[in-house]
C-alpha atoms as a PDB file:
ATOM      1  CA  MET A   1      -1.830 -46.124 -28.515  1.00  0.00           C
ATOM      2  CA  PRO A   2      -2.225 -42.515 -29.604  1.00  0.00           C
ATOM      3  CA  SER A   3       0.685 -40.134 -29.072  1.00  0.00           C
ATOM      4  CA  ASN A   4      -1.599 -37.652 -27.334  1.00  0.00           C
ATOM      5  CA  PRO A   5      -3.527 -39.248 -24.439  1.00  0.00           C
ATOM      6  CA  ASP A   6      -6.309 -36.675 -24.714  1.00  0.00           C
ATOM      7  CA  PHE A   7      -7.143 -37.794 -28.243  1.00  0.00           C
ATOM      8  CA  LEU A   8      -9.909 -40.369 -28.566  1.00  0.00           C
ATOM      9  CA  PRO A   9      -9.910 -41.850 -32.097  1.00  0.00           C
ATOM     10  CA  THR A  10     -12.778 -43.668 -33.738  1.00  0.00           C
ATOM     11  CA  PRO A  11     -11.701 -47.338 -33.841  1.00  0.00           C
ATOM     12  CA  GLY A  12     -11.361 -48.575 -37.405  1.00  0.00           C
ATOM     13  CA  GLY A  13     -12.607 -45.345 -38.924  1.00  0.00           C
ATOM     14  CA  PRO A  14     -10.986 -42.826 -41.256  1.00  0.00           C
ATOM     15  CA  ARG A  15      -8.507 -40.330 -39.842  1.00  0.00           C
ATOM     16  CA  THR A  16      -9.278 -36.627 -40.182  1.00  0.00           C
ATOM     17  CA  VAL A  17      -6.318 -34.487 -41.217  1.00  0.00           C
ATOM     18  CA  LEU A  18      -6.466 -30.694 -41.181  1.00  0.00           C
ATOM     19  CA  PHE A  19      -4.069 -28.696 -43.353  1.00  0.00           C
ATOM     20  CA  VAL A  20      -3.884 -25.207 -41.883  1.00  0.00           C
ATOM     21  CA  ALA A  21      -3.776 -22.349 -44.386  1.00  0.00           C
ATOM     22  CA  PHE A  22      -2.958 -18.712 -43.668  1.00  0.00           C
ATOM     23  CA  PRO A  23      -2.082 -15.719 -45.859  1.00  0.00           C
ATOM     24  CA  ASP A  24       1.456 -15.798 -47.280  1.00  0.00           C
ATOM     25  CA  MET A  25       2.032 -19.476 -46.520  1.00  0.00           C
ATOM     26  CA  GLY A  26       4.264 -21.596 -48.736  1.00  0.00           C
ATOM     27  CA  LEU A  27       2.233 -23.472 -51.345  1.00  0.00           C
ATOM     28  CA  LEU A  28       4.387 -26.611 -51.536  1.00  0.00           C
ATOM     29  CA  ASP A  29       4.645 -26.757 -47.738  1.00  0.00           C
ATOM     30  CA  LEU A  30       0.917 -27.461 -47.769  1.00  0.00           C
ATOM     31  CA  THR A  31       0.297 -29.297 -51.033  1.00  0.00           C
ATOM     32  CA  GLY A  32       3.278 -31.666 -50.708  1.00  0.00           C
ATOM     33  CA  PRO A  33       1.926 -33.354 -47.549  1.00  0.00           C
ATOM     34  CA  GLN A  34      -1.641 -33.100 -48.888  1.00  0.00           C
ATOM     35  CA  THR A  35      -0.649 -35.122 -51.941  1.00  0.00           C
ATOM     36  CA  VAL A  36       1.020 -37.777 -49.785  1.00  0.00           C
ATOM     37  CA  PHE A  37      -2.124 -38.245 -47.696  1.00  0.00           C
ATOM     38  CA  TRP A  38      -4.260 -38.270 -50.842  1.00  0.00           C
ATOM     39  CA  ALA A  39      -2.112 -41.001 -52.404  1.00  0.00           C
ATOM     40  CA  ALA A  40      -2.159 -42.952 -49.138  1.00  0.00           C
ATOM     41  CA  SER A  41      -5.959 -42.763 -49.029  1.00  0.00           C
ATOM     42  CA  LYS A  42      -6.151 -44.057 -52.583  1.00  0.00           C
ATOM     43  CA  ALA A  43      -3.871 -46.969 -51.747  1.00  0.00           C
ATOM     44  CA  LEU A  44      -5.850 -47.768 -48.604  1.00  0.00           C
ATOM     45  CA  ALA A  45      -9.122 -47.713 -50.553  1.00  0.00           C
ATOM     46  CA  GLU A  46      -7.665 -50.355 -52.874  1.00  0.00           C
ATOM     47  CA  ARG A  47      -7.183 -52.518 -49.791  1.00  0.00           C
ATOM     48  CA  GLY A  48     -10.705 -51.836 -48.570  1.00  0.00           C
ATOM     49  CA  ALA A  49      -9.326 -49.914 -45.601  1.00  0.00           C
ATOM     50  CA  PRO A  50     -10.365 -46.467 -44.341  1.00  0.00           C
ATOM     51  CA  GLY A  51      -8.050 -43.663 -45.387  1.00  0.00           C
ATOM     52  CA  TYR A  52      -7.662 -40.013 -44.488  1.00  0.00           C
ATOM     53  CA  VAL A  53     -10.406 -37.393 -44.607  1.00  0.00           C
ATOM     54  CA  ARG A  54      -8.527 -34.273 -45.647  1.00  0.00           C
ATOM     55  CA  HIS A  55      -9.582 -30.656 -45.156  1.00  0.00           C
ATOM     56  CA  THR A  56      -7.818 -27.382 -45.915  1.00  0.00           C
ATOM     57  CA  VAL A  57      -8.772 -25.002 -43.128  1.00  0.00           C
ATOM     58  CA  SER A  58      -8.120 -21.411 -42.121  1.00  0.00           C
ATOM     59  CA  LEU A  59      -9.116 -19.075 -39.330  1.00  0.00           C
ATOM     60  CA  ASP A  60     -12.177 -17.642 -41.099  1.00  0.00           C
ATOM     61  CA  GLY A  61     -12.523 -19.920 -44.140  1.00  0.00           C
ATOM     62  CA  GLY A  62     -12.821 -18.764 -47.735  1.00  0.00           C
ATOM     63  CA  LEU A  63     -10.005 -18.027 -50.158  1.00  0.00           C
ATOM     64  CA  VAL A  64      -6.478 -17.798 -48.733  1.00  0.00           C
ATOM     65  CA  GLN A  65      -3.626 -16.608 -50.932  1.00  0.00           C
ATOM     66  CA  THR A  66      -0.241 -18.294 -50.725  1.00  0.00           C
ATOM     67  CA  ALA A  67       3.128 -16.541 -50.979  1.00  0.00           C
ATOM     68  CA  GLU A  68       3.289 -17.736 -54.589  1.00  0.00           C
ATOM     69  CA  GLY A  69       0.000 -16.007 -55.410  1.00  0.00           C
ATOM     70  CA  VAL A  70      -2.225 -19.102 -55.633  1.00  0.00           C
ATOM     71  CA  ALA A  71      -5.538 -18.806 -53.766  1.00  0.00           C
ATOM     72  CA  LEU A  72      -6.890 -21.887 -51.966  1.00  0.00           C
ATOM     73  CA  GLN A  73     -10.466 -22.432 -50.842  1.00  0.00           C
ATOM     74  CA  THR A  74     -10.630 -23.254 -47.129  1.00  0.00           C
ATOM     75  CA  VAL A  75     -13.104 -24.296 -44.427  1.00  0.00           C
ATOM     76  CA  PRO A  76     -13.350 -22.268 -41.163  1.00  0.00           C
ATOM     77  CA  LEU A  77     -11.543 -23.736 -38.155  1.00  0.00           C
ATOM     78  CA  ALA A  78     -14.753 -23.407 -36.180  1.00  0.00           C
ATOM     79  CA  ALA A  79     -16.304 -26.144 -38.299  1.00  0.00           C
ATOM     80  CA  PHE A  80     -14.073 -28.668 -36.513  1.00  0.00           C
ATOM     81  CA  THR A  81     -14.681 -27.581 -32.930  1.00  0.00           C
ATOM     82  CA  ASN A  82     -16.426 -30.839 -32.037  1.00  0.00           C
ATOM     83  CA  VAL A  83     -14.873 -33.070 -34.705  1.00  0.00           C
ATOM     84  CA  PRO A  84     -12.225 -35.634 -33.634  1.00  0.00           C
ATOM     85  CA  VAL A  85      -9.064 -34.624 -35.486  1.00  0.00           C
ATOM     86  CA  ASP A  86      -6.219 -37.078 -35.953  1.00  0.00           C
ATOM     87  CA  THR A  87      -3.504 -34.834 -37.424  1.00  0.00           C
ATOM     88  CA  VAL A  88      -2.943 -31.109 -37.909  1.00  0.00           C
ATOM     89  CA  VAL A  89      -0.355 -30.060 -40.506  1.00  0.00           C
ATOM     90  CA  VAL A  90       0.982 -26.495 -40.403  1.00  0.00           C
ATOM     91  CA  PRO A  91       2.949 -25.090 -43.369  1.00  0.00           C
ATOM     92  CA  GLY A  92       5.612 -22.408 -43.183  1.00  0.00           C
ATOM     93  CA  SER A  93       6.009 -19.057 -44.879  1.00  0.00           C
ATOM     94  CA  PRO A  94       8.936 -17.264 -46.544  1.00  0.00           C
ATOM     95  CA  ASN A  95       7.909 -14.287 -44.374  1.00  0.00           C
ATOM     96  CA  ILE A  96       7.440 -16.126 -41.103  1.00  0.00           C
ATOM     97  CA  GLU A  97       8.280 -13.183 -38.824  1.00  0.00           C
ATOM     98  CA  GLN A  98       5.482 -11.085 -40.350  1.00  0.00           C
ATOM     99  CA  VAL A  99       3.136 -14.080 -40.138  1.00  0.00           C
ATOM    100  CA  LEU A 100       3.916 -14.549 -36.440  1.00  0.00           C
ATOM    101  CA  ALA A 101       3.196 -10.886 -35.743  1.00  0.00           C
ATOM    102  CA  ARG A 102      -0.360 -11.159 -37.053  1.00  0.00           C
ATOM    103  CA  SER A 103      -1.322 -14.744 -36.206  1.00  0.00           C
ATOM    104  CA  GLU A 104      -2.122 -14.764 -32.488  1.00  0.00           C
ATOM    105  CA  PRO A 105      -5.688 -16.086 -33.031  1.00  0.00           C
ATOM    106  CA  LEU A 106      -4.331 -18.938 -35.157  1.00  0.00           C
ATOM    107  CA  ILE A 107      -1.572 -19.650 -32.641  1.00  0.00           C
ATOM    108  CA  GLY A 108      -4.144 -19.769 -29.860  1.00  0.00           C
ATOM    109  CA  TRP A 109      -6.184 -22.266 -31.853  1.00  0.00           C
ATOM    110  CA  LEU A 110      -3.106 -24.439 -32.403  1.00  0.00           C
ATOM    111  CA  ARG A 111      -2.354 -24.340 -28.680  1.00  0.00           C
ATOM    112  CA  ARG A 112      -5.867 -25.497 -27.808  1.00  0.00           C
ATOM    113  CA  LYS A 113      -6.355 -27.974 -30.649  1.00  0.00           C
ATOM    114  CA  ALA A 114      -3.085 -29.789 -29.978  1.00  0.00           C
ATOM    115  CA  LYS A 115      -4.559 -30.992 -26.664  1.00  0.00           C
ATOM    116  CA  ALA A 116      -7.381 -32.789 -28.473  1.00  0.00           C
ATOM    117  CA  THR A 117      -5.420 -33.971 -31.518  1.00  0.00           C
ATOM    118  CA  ARG A 118      -3.321 -37.121 -31.775  1.00  0.00           C
ATOM    119  CA  ARG A 119      -0.420 -35.292 -33.401  1.00  0.00           C
ATOM    120  CA  THR A 120       0.564 -31.911 -34.764  1.00  0.00           C
ATOM    121  CA  ALA A 121       3.110 -31.457 -37.546  1.00  0.00           C
ATOM    122  CA  ALA A 122       4.885 -28.440 -39.010  1.00  0.00           C
ATOM    123  CA  VAL A 123       6.702 -28.022 -42.310  1.00  0.00           C
ATOM    124  CA  CYS A 124       9.695 -25.704 -42.698  1.00  0.00           C
ATOM    125  CA  SER A 125       9.132 -22.395 -40.875  1.00  0.00           C
ATOM    126  CA  GLY A 126       5.772 -23.675 -39.644  1.00  0.00           C
ATOM    127  CA  THR A 127       7.904 -24.819 -36.704  1.00  0.00           C
ATOM    128  CA  PHE A 128       7.856 -21.187 -35.519  1.00  0.00           C
ATOM    129  CA  LEU A 129       4.066 -21.274 -35.230  1.00  0.00           C
ATOM    130  CA  LEU A 130       4.193 -24.418 -33.090  1.00  0.00           C
ATOM    131  CA  ALA A 131       6.940 -22.866 -30.994  1.00  0.00           C
ATOM    132  CA  GLN A 132       4.906 -19.694 -30.486  1.00  0.00           C
ATOM    133  CA  ALA A 133       2.001 -21.898 -29.403  1.00  0.00           C
ATOM    134  CA  GLY A 134       4.218 -23.443 -26.707  1.00  0.00           C
ATOM    135  CA  LEU A 135       4.220 -26.907 -28.254  1.00  0.00           C
ATOM    136  CA  LEU A 136       8.011 -27.200 -28.544  1.00  0.00           C
ATOM    137  CA  HIS A 137       9.248 -26.013 -25.155  1.00  0.00           C
ATOM    138  CA  ASP A 138      12.309 -28.085 -24.172  1.00  0.00           C
ATOM    139  CA  LYS A 139      11.757 -30.336 -27.211  1.00  0.00           C
ATOM    140  CA  ARG A 140      13.867 -31.216 -30.235  1.00  0.00           C
ATOM    141  CA  ALA A 141      12.747 -29.690 -33.506  1.00  0.00           C
ATOM    142  CA  ALA A 142      13.749 -29.161 -37.116  1.00  0.00           C
ATOM    143  CA  THR A 143      13.244 -26.273 -39.483  1.00  0.00           C
ATOM    144  CA  HIS A 144      14.827 -24.935 -42.658  1.00  0.00           C
ATOM    145  CA  TRP A 145      18.592 -24.789 -42.162  1.00  0.00           C
ATOM    146  CA  ALA A 146      18.671 -21.059 -42.963  1.00  0.00           C
ATOM    147  CA  LEU A 147      16.239 -20.355 -40.089  1.00  0.00           C
ATOM    148  CA  CYS A 148      17.918 -22.362 -37.326  1.00  0.00           C
ATOM    149  CA  ASP A 149      19.684 -19.359 -35.808  1.00  0.00           C
ATOM    150  CA  LEU A 150      16.495 -17.301 -35.800  1.00  0.00           C
ATOM    151  CA  LEU A 151      14.578 -20.153 -34.190  1.00  0.00           C
ATOM    152  CA  ARG A 152      17.212 -20.495 -31.477  1.00  0.00           C
ATOM    153  CA  GLU A 153      17.207 -16.729 -30.890  1.00  0.00           C
ATOM    154  CA  ARG A 154      13.432 -16.524 -30.519  1.00  0.00           C
ATOM    155  CA  PHE A 155      12.902 -19.813 -28.679  1.00  0.00           C
ATOM    156  CA  PRO A 156      16.087 -20.692 -26.767  1.00  0.00           C
ATOM    157  CA  SER A 157      14.546 -23.693 -24.974  1.00  0.00           C
ATOM    158  CA  ILE A 158      14.150 -25.614 -28.249  1.00  0.00           C
ATOM    159  CA  GLN A 159      16.834 -28.196 -29.022  1.00  0.00           C
ATOM    160  CA  ILE A 160      17.355 -27.567 -32.727  1.00  0.00           C
ATOM    161  CA  ASP A 161      18.501 -30.420 -34.942  1.00  0.00           C
ATOM    162  CA  ARG A 162      20.132 -28.424 -37.718  1.00  0.00           C
ATOM    163  CA  ASP A 163      20.634 -31.333 -40.100  1.00  0.00           C
ATOM    164  CA  ALA A 164      17.530 -33.467 -39.671  1.00  0.00           C
ATOM    165  CA  LEU A 165      14.910 -33.694 -42.396  1.00  0.00           C
ATOM    166  CA  PHE A 166      12.284 -34.190 -39.727  1.00  0.00           C
ATOM    167  CA  VAL A 167      12.077 -34.738 -35.979  1.00  0.00           C
ATOM    168  CA  ARG A 168       9.442 -36.499 -33.905  1.00  0.00           C
ATOM    169  CA  GLU A 169       8.969 -35.452 -30.292  1.00  0.00           C
ATOM    170  CA  GLY A 170       5.984 -37.317 -28.905  1.00  0.00           C
ATOM    171  CA  PRO A 171       2.837 -35.942 -30.575  1.00  0.00           C
ATOM    172  CA  VAL A 172       4.739 -33.104 -32.269  1.00  0.00           C
ATOM    173  CA  TRP A 173       6.555 -33.539 -35.581  1.00  0.00           C
ATOM    174  CA  THR A 174       8.627 -30.854 -37.328  1.00  0.00           C
ATOM    175  CA  SER A 175      10.458 -30.855 -40.629  1.00  0.00           C
ATOM    176  CA  ALA A 176      13.059 -28.985 -42.604  1.00  0.00           C
ATOM    177  CA  GLY A 177      12.464 -26.831 -45.658  1.00  0.00           C
ATOM    178  CA  VAL A 178       9.675 -27.240 -48.196  1.00  0.00           C
ATOM    179  CA  THR A 179      10.151 -30.636 -49.905  1.00  0.00           C
ATOM    180  CA  ALA A 180      11.117 -32.222 -46.569  1.00  0.00           C
ATOM    181  CA  GLY A 181       7.403 -31.897 -45.806  1.00  0.00           C
ATOM    182  CA  ILE A 182       6.909 -34.799 -48.221  1.00  0.00           C
ATOM    183  CA  ASP A 183       9.397 -36.892 -46.244  1.00  0.00           C
ATOM    184  CA  LEU A 184       7.568 -35.906 -43.066  1.00  0.00           C
ATOM    185  CA  ALA A 185       4.182 -36.890 -44.486  1.00  0.00           C
ATOM    186  CA  LEU A 186       5.553 -40.233 -45.688  1.00  0.00           C
ATOM    187  CA  ALA A 187       6.853 -40.851 -42.166  1.00  0.00           C
ATOM    188  CA  LEU A 188       3.419 -40.039 -40.731  1.00  0.00           C
ATOM    189  CA  VAL A 189       1.784 -42.490 -43.130  1.00  0.00           C
ATOM    190  CA  GLU A 190       4.369 -45.116 -42.233  1.00  0.00           C
ATOM    191  CA  ALA A 191       3.696 -44.600 -38.533  1.00  0.00           C
ATOM    192  CA  ASP A 192      -0.021 -45.213 -39.208  1.00  0.00           C
ATOM    193  CA  HIS A 193       0.049 -48.006 -41.777  1.00  0.00           C
ATOM    194  CA  GLY A 194       3.558 -49.413 -42.051  1.00  0.00           C
ATOM    195  CA  ARG A 195       6.533 -49.183 -44.358  1.00  0.00           C
ATOM    196  CA  ASP A 196       4.962 -51.030 -47.299  1.00  0.00           C
ATOM    197  CA  LEU A 197       2.239 -48.420 -47.719  1.00  0.00           C
ATOM    198  CA  SER A 198       4.637 -45.494 -47.376  1.00  0.00           C
ATOM    199  CA  LEU A 199       6.873 -47.012 -50.062  1.00  0.00           C
ATOM    200  CA  LYS A 200       3.875 -47.552 -52.319  1.00  0.00           C
ATOM    201  CA  VAL A 201       2.987 -43.881 -51.920  1.00  0.00           C
ATOM    202  CA  ALA A 202       6.590 -42.834 -52.607  1.00  0.00           C
ATOM    203  CA  ARG A 203       6.567 -44.848 -55.832  1.00  0.00           C
ATOM    204  CA  GLU A 204       3.180 -43.402 -56.788  1.00  0.00           C
ATOM    205  CA  LEU A 205       4.537 -39.880 -56.418  1.00  0.00           C
ATOM    206  CA  VAL A 206       7.879 -40.746 -58.062  1.00  0.00           C
ATOM    207  CA  VAL A 207       9.862 -39.403 -55.132  1.00  0.00           C
ATOM    208  CA  PHE A 208      13.042 -40.849 -53.713  1.00  0.00           C
ATOM    209  CA  LEU A 209      12.414 -43.702 -51.329  1.00  0.00           C
ATOM    210  CA  LYS A 210      11.438 -42.148 -48.050  1.00  0.00           C
ATOM    211  CA  ARG A 211      14.458 -40.417 -46.581  1.00  0.00           C
ATOM    212  CA  PRO A 212      14.906 -41.125 -42.864  1.00  0.00           C
ATOM    213  CA  GLY A 213      14.635 -38.133 -40.583  1.00  0.00           C
ATOM    214  CA  GLY A 214      18.282 -38.335 -39.570  1.00  0.00           C
ATOM    215  CA  GLN A 215      19.570 -37.610 -43.055  1.00  0.00           C
ATOM    216  CA  SER A 216      21.184 -34.263 -43.681  1.00  0.00           C
ATOM    217  CA  GLN A 217      19.080 -31.432 -45.103  1.00  0.00           C
ATOM    218  CA  PHE A 218      21.691 -30.454 -47.664  1.00  0.00           C
ATOM    219  CA  SER A 219      24.949 -31.597 -49.187  1.00  0.00           C
ATOM    220  CA  GLU A 220      28.354 -30.558 -47.976  1.00  0.00           C
ATOM    221  CA  LEU A 221      29.111 -29.193 -51.447  1.00  0.00           C
ATOM    222  CA  LEU A 222      25.975 -27.036 -51.370  1.00  0.00           C
ATOM    223  CA  GLN A 223      26.766 -25.957 -47.836  1.00  0.00           C
ATOM    224  CA  SER A 224      30.224 -24.826 -48.890  1.00  0.00           C
ATOM    225  CA  GLN A 225      28.690 -22.742 -51.659  1.00  0.00           C
ATOM    226  CA  THR A 226      26.317 -20.976 -49.265  1.00  0.00           C
ATOM    227  CA  ARG A 227      29.173 -19.784 -47.084  1.00  0.00           C
ATOM    228  CA  ASP A 228      31.471 -16.870 -47.859  1.00  0.00           C
ATOM    229  CA  SER A 229      33.599 -19.141 -49.991  1.00  0.00           C
ATOM    230  CA  ALA A 230      32.833 -18.349 -53.626  1.00  0.00           C
ATOM    231  CA  ASP A 231      36.576 -18.150 -54.288  1.00  0.00           C
ATOM    232  CA  PHE A 232      36.773 -21.888 -53.647  1.00  0.00           C
ATOM    233  CA  ASP A 233      33.662 -23.128 -55.492  1.00  0.00           C
ATOM    234  CA  GLU A 234      35.743 -24.363 -58.436  1.00  0.00           C
ATOM    235  CA  LEU A 235      38.186 -26.045 -56.069  1.00  0.00           C
ATOM    236  CA  HIS A 236      35.366 -27.846 -54.235  1.00  0.00           C
ATOM    237  CA  LEU A 237      34.025 -29.205 -57.511  1.00  0.00           C
ATOM    238  CA  TRP A 238      37.521 -30.370 -58.457  1.00  0.00           C
ATOM    239  CA  ILE A 239      37.945 -32.108 -55.099  1.00  0.00           C
ATOM    240  CA  SER A 240      34.584 -33.840 -55.552  1.00  0.00           C
ATOM    241  CA  ASP A 241      35.778 -35.194 -58.899  1.00  0.00           C
ATOM    242  CA  HIS A 242      39.081 -36.465 -57.442  1.00  0.00           C
ATOM    243  CA  LEU A 243      38.090 -37.945 -54.093  1.00  0.00           C
ATOM    244  CA  ASP A 244      39.782 -41.253 -54.931  1.00  0.00           C
ATOM    245  CA  SER A 245      43.152 -39.510 -55.197  1.00  0.00           C
ATOM    246  CA  ASP A 246      45.661 -40.032 -52.373  1.00  0.00           C
ATOM    247  CA  ASP A 247      47.263 -36.665 -53.137  1.00  0.00           C
ATOM    248  CA  LEU A 248      44.644 -34.199 -51.852  1.00  0.00           C
ATOM    249  CA  THR A 249      47.197 -32.476 -49.661  1.00  0.00           C
ATOM    250  CA  VAL A 250      47.318 -28.812 -48.697  1.00  0.00           C
ATOM    251  CA  GLU A 251      50.130 -28.364 -51.224  1.00  0.00           C
ATOM    252  CA  THR A 252      48.066 -29.893 -54.036  1.00  0.00           C
ATOM    253  CA  LEU A 253      44.951 -27.879 -53.185  1.00  0.00           C
ATOM    254  CA  ALA A 254      46.976 -24.684 -52.800  1.00  0.00           C
ATOM    255  CA  ASP A 255      48.471 -25.239 -56.237  1.00  0.00           C
ATOM    256  CA  ARG A 256      44.965 -25.665 -57.715  1.00  0.00           C
ATOM    257  CA  ALA A 257      43.923 -22.424 -55.987  1.00  0.00           C
ATOM    258  CA  ARG A 258      47.087 -20.679 -57.232  1.00  0.00           C
ATOM    259  CA  MET A 259      48.149 -19.769 -53.711  1.00  0.00           C
ATOM    260  CA  SER A 260      51.052 -20.602 -51.446  1.00  0.00           C
ATOM    261  CA  PRO A 261      50.273 -23.493 -49.063  1.00  0.00           C
ATOM    262  CA  ARG A 262      50.546 -21.298 -45.968  1.00  0.00           C
ATOM    263  CA  ASN A 263      48.339 -18.521 -47.346  1.00  0.00           C
ATOM    264  CA  PHE A 264      45.857 -21.015 -48.775  1.00  0.00           C
ATOM    265  CA  ALA A 265      45.447 -22.833 -45.452  1.00  0.00           C
ATOM    266  CA  ARG A 266      44.899 -19.540 -43.620  1.00  0.00           C
ATOM    267  CA  VAL A 267      42.440 -18.027 -46.116  1.00  0.00           C
ATOM    268  CA  TYR A 268      40.540 -21.273 -46.618  1.00  0.00           C
ATOM    269  CA  LYS A 269      39.943 -21.698 -42.873  1.00  0.00           C
ATOM    270  CA  GLN A 270      38.948 -18.035 -42.578  1.00  0.00           C
ATOM    271  CA  LYS A 271      36.384 -18.211 -45.384  1.00  0.00           C
ATOM    272  CA  THR A 272      34.923 -21.696 -44.877  1.00  0.00           C
ATOM    273  CA  GLY A 273      35.358 -22.311 -41.174  1.00  0.00           C
ATOM    274  CA  ARG A 274      37.203 -25.560 -41.912  1.00  0.00           C
ATOM    275  CA  THR A 275      40.753 -26.644 -42.543  1.00  0.00           C
ATOM    276  CA  PRO A 276      41.447 -27.997 -46.054  1.00  0.00           C
ATOM    277  CA  ALA A 277      41.957 -31.470 -44.576  1.00  0.00           C
ATOM    278  CA  LYS A 278      38.569 -31.364 -42.848  1.00  0.00           C
ATOM    279  CA  ALA A 279      36.900 -30.205 -46.069  1.00  0.00           C
ATOM    280  CA  VAL A 280      38.328 -33.189 -47.946  1.00  0.00           C
ATOM    281  CA  GLU A 281      37.170 -35.481 -45.151  1.00  0.00           C
ATOM    282  CA  VAL A 282      33.558 -34.281 -45.143  1.00  0.00           C
ATOM    283  CA  LEU A 283      33.316 -34.385 -48.937  1.00  0.00           C
ATOM    284  CA  ARG A 284      34.612 -37.955 -48.862  1.00  0.00           C
ATOM    285  CA  LEU A 285      32.172 -38.749 -46.089  1.00  0.00           C
ATOM    286  CA  GLU A 286      29.235 -37.391 -48.077  1.00  0.00           C
ATOM    287  CA  ALA A 287      30.259 -39.312 -51.195  1.00  0.00           C
ATOM    288  CA  ALA A 288      30.525 -42.495 -49.127  1.00  0.00           C
ATOM    289  CA  ARG A 289      27.097 -41.902 -47.614  1.00  0.00           C
ATOM    290  CA  ARG A 290      25.541 -41.575 -51.066  1.00  0.00           C
ATOM    291  CA  LEU A 291      27.178 -44.780 -52.272  1.00  0.00           C
ATOM    292  CA  LEU A 292      26.141 -46.679 -49.152  1.00  0.00           C
ATOM    293  CA  GLU A 293      22.571 -45.478 -49.588  1.00  0.00           C
ATOM    294  CA  ASP A 294      22.144 -45.986 -53.319  1.00  0.00           C
ATOM    295  CA  SER A 295      24.864 -48.186 -54.842  1.00  0.00           C
ATOM    296  CA  LYS A 296      25.576 -51.913 -54.905  1.00  0.00           C
ATOM    297  CA  HIS A 297      29.259 -51.485 -54.055  1.00  0.00           C
ATOM    298  CA  ASN A 298      30.392 -53.265 -50.919  1.00  0.00           C
ATOM    299  CA  VAL A 299      31.821 -51.258 -48.044  1.00  0.00           C
ATOM    300  CA  ASP A 300      35.440 -51.904 -48.997  1.00  0.00           C
ATOM    301  CA  GLN A 301      34.785 -50.731 -52.573  1.00  0.00           C
ATOM    302  CA  VAL A 302      33.065 -47.592 -51.267  1.00  0.00           C
ATOM    303  CA  ALA A 303      36.083 -46.849 -49.075  1.00  0.00           C
ATOM    304  CA  ARG A 304      38.454 -47.074 -52.046  1.00  0.00           C
ATOM    305  CA  ARG A 305      36.216 -45.082 -54.412  1.00  0.00           C
ATOM    306  CA  CYS A 306      35.898 -42.237 -51.916  1.00  0.00           C
ATOM    307  CA  GLY A 307      39.594 -42.026 -51.129  1.00  0.00           C
ATOM    308  CA  PHE A 308      39.618 -43.536 -47.639  1.00  0.00           C
ATOM    309  CA  GLY A 309      41.864 -46.327 -48.868  1.00  0.00           C
ATOM    310  CA  THR A 310      40.686 -48.899 -46.344  1.00  0.00           C
ATOM    311  CA  GLU A 311      37.401 -49.769 -44.705  1.00  0.00           C
ATOM    312  CA  GLU A 312      38.969 -49.139 -41.300  1.00  0.00           C
ATOM    313  CA  ARG A 313      39.887 -45.542 -42.139  1.00  0.00           C
ATOM    314  CA  MET A 314      36.361 -44.954 -43.413  1.00  0.00           C
ATOM    315  CA  ARG A 315      34.917 -46.543 -40.273  1.00  0.00           C
ATOM    316  CA  VAL A 316      36.927 -44.190 -38.048  1.00  0.00           C
ATOM    317  CA  THR A 317      35.693 -41.191 -40.063  1.00  0.00           C
ATOM    318  CA  PHE A 318      32.065 -42.320 -39.830  1.00  0.00           C
ATOM    319  CA  GLN A 319      32.342 -42.868 -36.094  1.00  0.00           C
ATOM    320  CA  ARG A 320      33.977 -39.482 -35.559  1.00  0.00           C
ATOM    321  CA  ASN A 321      31.419 -37.538 -37.589  1.00  0.00           C
ATOM    322  CA  LEU A 322      28.201 -39.593 -37.419  1.00  0.00           C
ATOM    323  CA  SER A 323      28.705 -41.870 -34.413  1.00  0.00           C
ATOM    324  CA  VAL A 324      27.823 -44.878 -36.546  1.00  0.00           C
ATOM    325  CA  SER A 325      29.786 -47.418 -38.584  1.00  0.00           C
ATOM    326  CA  PRO A 326      29.481 -47.549 -42.399  1.00  0.00           C
ATOM    327  CA  ARG A 327      27.788 -50.944 -42.179  1.00  0.00           C
ATOM    328  CA  ASP A 328      25.238 -49.758 -39.647  1.00  0.00           C
ATOM    329  CA  TYR A 329      24.689 -46.608 -41.703  1.00  0.00           C
ATOM    330  CA  ARG A 330      23.884 -48.748 -44.746  1.00  0.00           C
ATOM    331  CA  LYS A 331      21.473 -50.917 -42.763  1.00  0.00           C
ATOM    332  CA  ARG A 332      19.608 -47.824 -41.608  1.00  0.00           C
ATOM    333  CA  PHE A 333      19.609 -45.653 -44.712  1.00  0.00           C
ATOM    334  CA  ALA A 334      19.989 -47.913 -47.761  1.00  0.00           C
ATOM    335  CA  THR A 335      17.159 -47.569 -50.252  1.00  0.00           C
ATOM    336  CA  GLU A 336      16.975 -51.350 -50.545  1.00  0.00           C
ATOM    337  CA  PRO A 337      18.120 -54.245 -48.352  1.00  0.00           C
ATOM    338  CA  ALA A 338      21.788 -55.110 -48.782  1.00  0.00           C
ATOM    339  CA  ALA A 339      22.443 -58.219 -50.869  1.00  0.00           C
ATOM    340  CA  PRO A 340      24.690 -60.985 -49.465  1.00  0.00           C
ATOM    341  CA  GLY A 341      28.311 -59.865 -49.618  1.00  0.00           C
ATOM    342  CA  ARG A 342      27.364 -56.239 -50.271  1.00  0.00           C
ATOM    343  CA  GLN A 343      27.570 -55.080 -46.650  1.00  0.00           C
END
């Protein structure tokens, strides 16, 4: 059953995918998903099954220059006026506000085409174009983490998922920054042809096994470095290397920072927005998530390695922060099925 009831697909035929180009778009936003659909088509051909007919399109056709300076040859949008289109993929731009100001004809086309297309997807700041077209009103959406505040300011009805790699809301899919467009495209392929094909494509492209949409866009350590907290970058790295220690107290961290405990606690909260204890907790949580996703350690071993001490303490932390138990998290996000005794 198609996501969009107005879309009438050709039974058993190839699916037409349009990749929308516009001046100053991000190159990888477009070519990452294109490569996924190309690899999927190749894999489907090996099975004797129809794949994806892929076209790079633009408002007027011809050469379109990306933000990186690469020019892509495109087909005019008008060429697909009467062509059944399965999927439209819209990239973002590092200068999305300027793009929005000059893209009303393209936005109008997106608004109209979405009604006759099974699904519409946006990568990174391409979410703004879908929002401007009215496709995300009162819907959940994702975009690059650095643009979440701007998206909320311009489109307050959108329910922004700040951490998600990608979000599906009926026929509309949105993703986080740049390389998350690959995760989005793999999810689209999986929705069409199943997990086995999407994993085959992931292996073909030598990318990490498809990351589920609920995974965080960025690490807690990276997040701490993007805040006004450069004074504590060295401390955060030290904490990450000593998560199994049971002595990560305010006094210990203050000593590493060469500050008094009281002053350290005050300044740390002021600069990072977190207490030292909460910072240790989220770094332990992230380390545990990585081990649950990628390692063969059982849950109790993960708890000890990450400094929780017991599985129960780790379970409480997971429930408080992620609303899921460590075992359920592993079942959902592990890159391979858990072996007996590993859960």
